[in-house]
Amino acid sequence: MQTAIVKYQIGSYSGKMNVLVDENNPNDVVIEKAKAQLFKEAGTTLPMENVSFTILDRIDKVRDS
């Protein structure tokens, strides 16, 4: 598992979020997971225009041995 740090911009509002992803997930899947997570947290739909997501980093989670 990895934690992806994703920056989002919605109109004039922006922020960063952590998204748990599989290390084999391509970036487009990570972005879709970030959109779904933000939708769930906001409790509403996202506007179709003026929305962008950027992956800033992907950090491997340390596995317990």
C-alpha atoms as a PDB file:
ATOM      1  CA  MET A   1       0.000   0.000   0.000  1.00  0.00           C
ATOM      2  CA  GLN A   2       0.968   3.594  -0.565  1.00  0.00           C
ATOM      3  CA  THR A   3      -0.231   6.980   0.538  1.00  0.00           C
ATOM      4  CA  ALA A   4      -0.623   9.375  -2.372  1.00  0.00           C
ATOM      5  CA  ILE A   5      -0.529  13.073  -1.554  1.00  0.00           C
ATOM      6  CA  VAL A   6      -2.887  14.765  -3.987  1.00  0.00           C
ATOM      7  CA  LYS A   7      -3.399  18.494  -4.518  1.00  0.00           C
ATOM      8  CA  TYR A   8      -6.806  19.592  -5.767  1.00  0.00           C
ATOM      9  CA  GLN A   9      -8.072  22.885  -7.165  1.00  0.00           C
ATOM     10  CA  ILE A  10     -11.816  23.546  -7.419  1.00  0.00           C
ATOM     11  CA  GLY A  11     -12.445  27.064  -8.656  1.00  0.00           C
ATOM     12  CA  SER A  12     -10.684  29.337  -6.165  1.00  0.00           C
ATOM     13  CA  TYR A  13     -10.571  26.639  -3.442  1.00  0.00           C
ATOM     14  CA  SER A  14      -7.563  24.335  -3.139  1.00  0.00           C
ATOM     15  CA  GLY A  15      -6.174  21.819  -0.716  1.00  0.00           C
ATOM     16  CA  LYS A  16      -4.202  18.616  -0.259  1.00  0.00           C
ATOM     17  CA  MET A  17      -5.395  15.181   0.725  1.00  0.00           C
ATOM     18  CA  ASN A  18      -3.935  11.766   1.497  1.00  0.00           C
ATOM     19  CA  VAL A  19      -5.316   8.841  -0.490  1.00  0.00           C
ATOM     20  CA  LEU A  20      -4.547   5.181   0.265  1.00  0.00           C
ATOM     21  CA  VAL A  21      -3.718   3.361  -2.970  1.00  0.00           C
ATOM     22  CA  ASP A  22      -2.105   0.174  -4.176  1.00  0.00           C
ATOM     23  CA  GLU A  23       1.460   0.670  -5.382  1.00  0.00           C
ATOM     24  CA  ASN A  24       0.442  -0.875  -8.725  1.00  0.00           C
ATOM     25  CA  ASN A  25      -2.341   1.665  -9.343  1.00  0.00           C
ATOM     26  CA  PRO A  26      -1.549   3.939 -12.292  1.00  0.00           C
ATOM     27  CA  ASN A  27      -1.841   7.683 -11.736  1.00  0.00           C
ATOM     28  CA  ASP A  28      -5.253   7.957 -13.429  1.00  0.00           C
ATOM     29  CA  VAL A  29      -6.673   5.452 -10.912  1.00  0.00           C
ATOM     30  CA  VAL A  30      -5.127   7.432  -8.042  1.00  0.00           C
ATOM     31  CA  ILE A  31      -6.805  10.614  -9.349  1.00  0.00           C
ATOM     32  CA  GLU A  32     -10.181   8.834  -9.601  1.00  0.00           C
ATOM     33  CA  LYS A  33      -9.812   7.571  -6.021  1.00  0.00           C
ATOM     34  CA  ALA A  34      -8.987  11.110  -4.877  1.00  0.00           C
ATOM     35  CA  LYS A  35     -12.089  12.461  -6.652  1.00  0.00           C
ATOM     36  CA  ALA A  36     -14.275   9.781  -5.042  1.00  0.00           C
ATOM     37  CA  GLN A  37     -12.793  10.440  -1.592  1.00  0.00           C
ATOM     38  CA  LEU A  38     -13.305  14.209  -1.915  1.00  0.00           C
ATOM     39  CA  PHE A  39     -16.882  13.665  -3.147  1.00  0.00           C
ATOM     40  CA  LYS A  40     -17.583  11.467  -0.109  1.00  0.00           C
ATOM     41  CA  GLU A  41     -16.035  13.973   2.317  1.00  0.00           C
ATOM     42  CA  ALA A  42     -17.829  16.953   0.747  1.00  0.00           C
ATOM     43  CA  GLY A  43     -21.148  15.128   0.522  1.00  0.00           C
ATOM     44  CA  THR A  44     -21.929  16.697  -2.837  1.00  0.00           C
ATOM     45  CA  THR A  45     -20.989  16.431  -6.487  1.00  0.00           C
ATOM     46  CA  LEU A  46     -17.975  18.233  -7.866  1.00  0.00           C
ATOM     47  CA  PRO A  47     -18.381  20.827 -10.623  1.00  0.00           C
ATOM     48  CA  MET A  48     -17.256  19.669 -14.049  1.00  0.00           C
ATOM     49  CA  GLU A  49     -15.288  22.828 -14.877  1.00  0.00           C
ATOM     50  CA  ASN A  50     -12.333  24.423 -13.113  1.00  0.00           C
ATOM     51  CA  VAL A  51     -11.392  21.205 -11.286  1.00  0.00           C
ATOM     52  CA  SER A  52      -7.879  19.774 -11.291  1.00  0.00           C
ATOM     53  CA  PHE A  53      -6.017  17.100  -9.344  1.00  0.00           C
ATOM     54  CA  THR A  54      -2.231  16.663  -9.196  1.00  0.00           C
ATOM     55  CA  ILE A  55      -0.307  13.856  -7.512  1.00  0.00           C
ATOM     56  CA  LEU A  56       2.467  15.459  -5.470  1.00  0.00           C
ATOM     57  CA  ASP A  57       4.012  12.296  -4.016  1.00  0.00           C
ATOM     58  CA  ARG A  58       3.489   8.581  -3.480  1.00  0.00           C
ATOM     59  CA  ILE A  59       4.869   7.205  -0.220  1.00  0.00           C
ATOM     60  CA  ASP A  60       5.314   3.493   0.431  1.00  0.00           C
ATOM     61  CA  LYS A  61       3.747   2.368   3.689  1.00  0.00           C
ATOM     62  CA  VAL A  62       6.007   0.322   5.944  1.00  0.00           C
ATOM     63  CA  ARG A  63       4.707  -3.213   6.250  1.00  0.00           C
ATOM     64  CA  ASP A  64       4.594  -4.894   9.637  1.00  0.00           C
ATOM     65  CA  SER A  65       6.807  -7.972   9.786  1.00  0.00           C
END
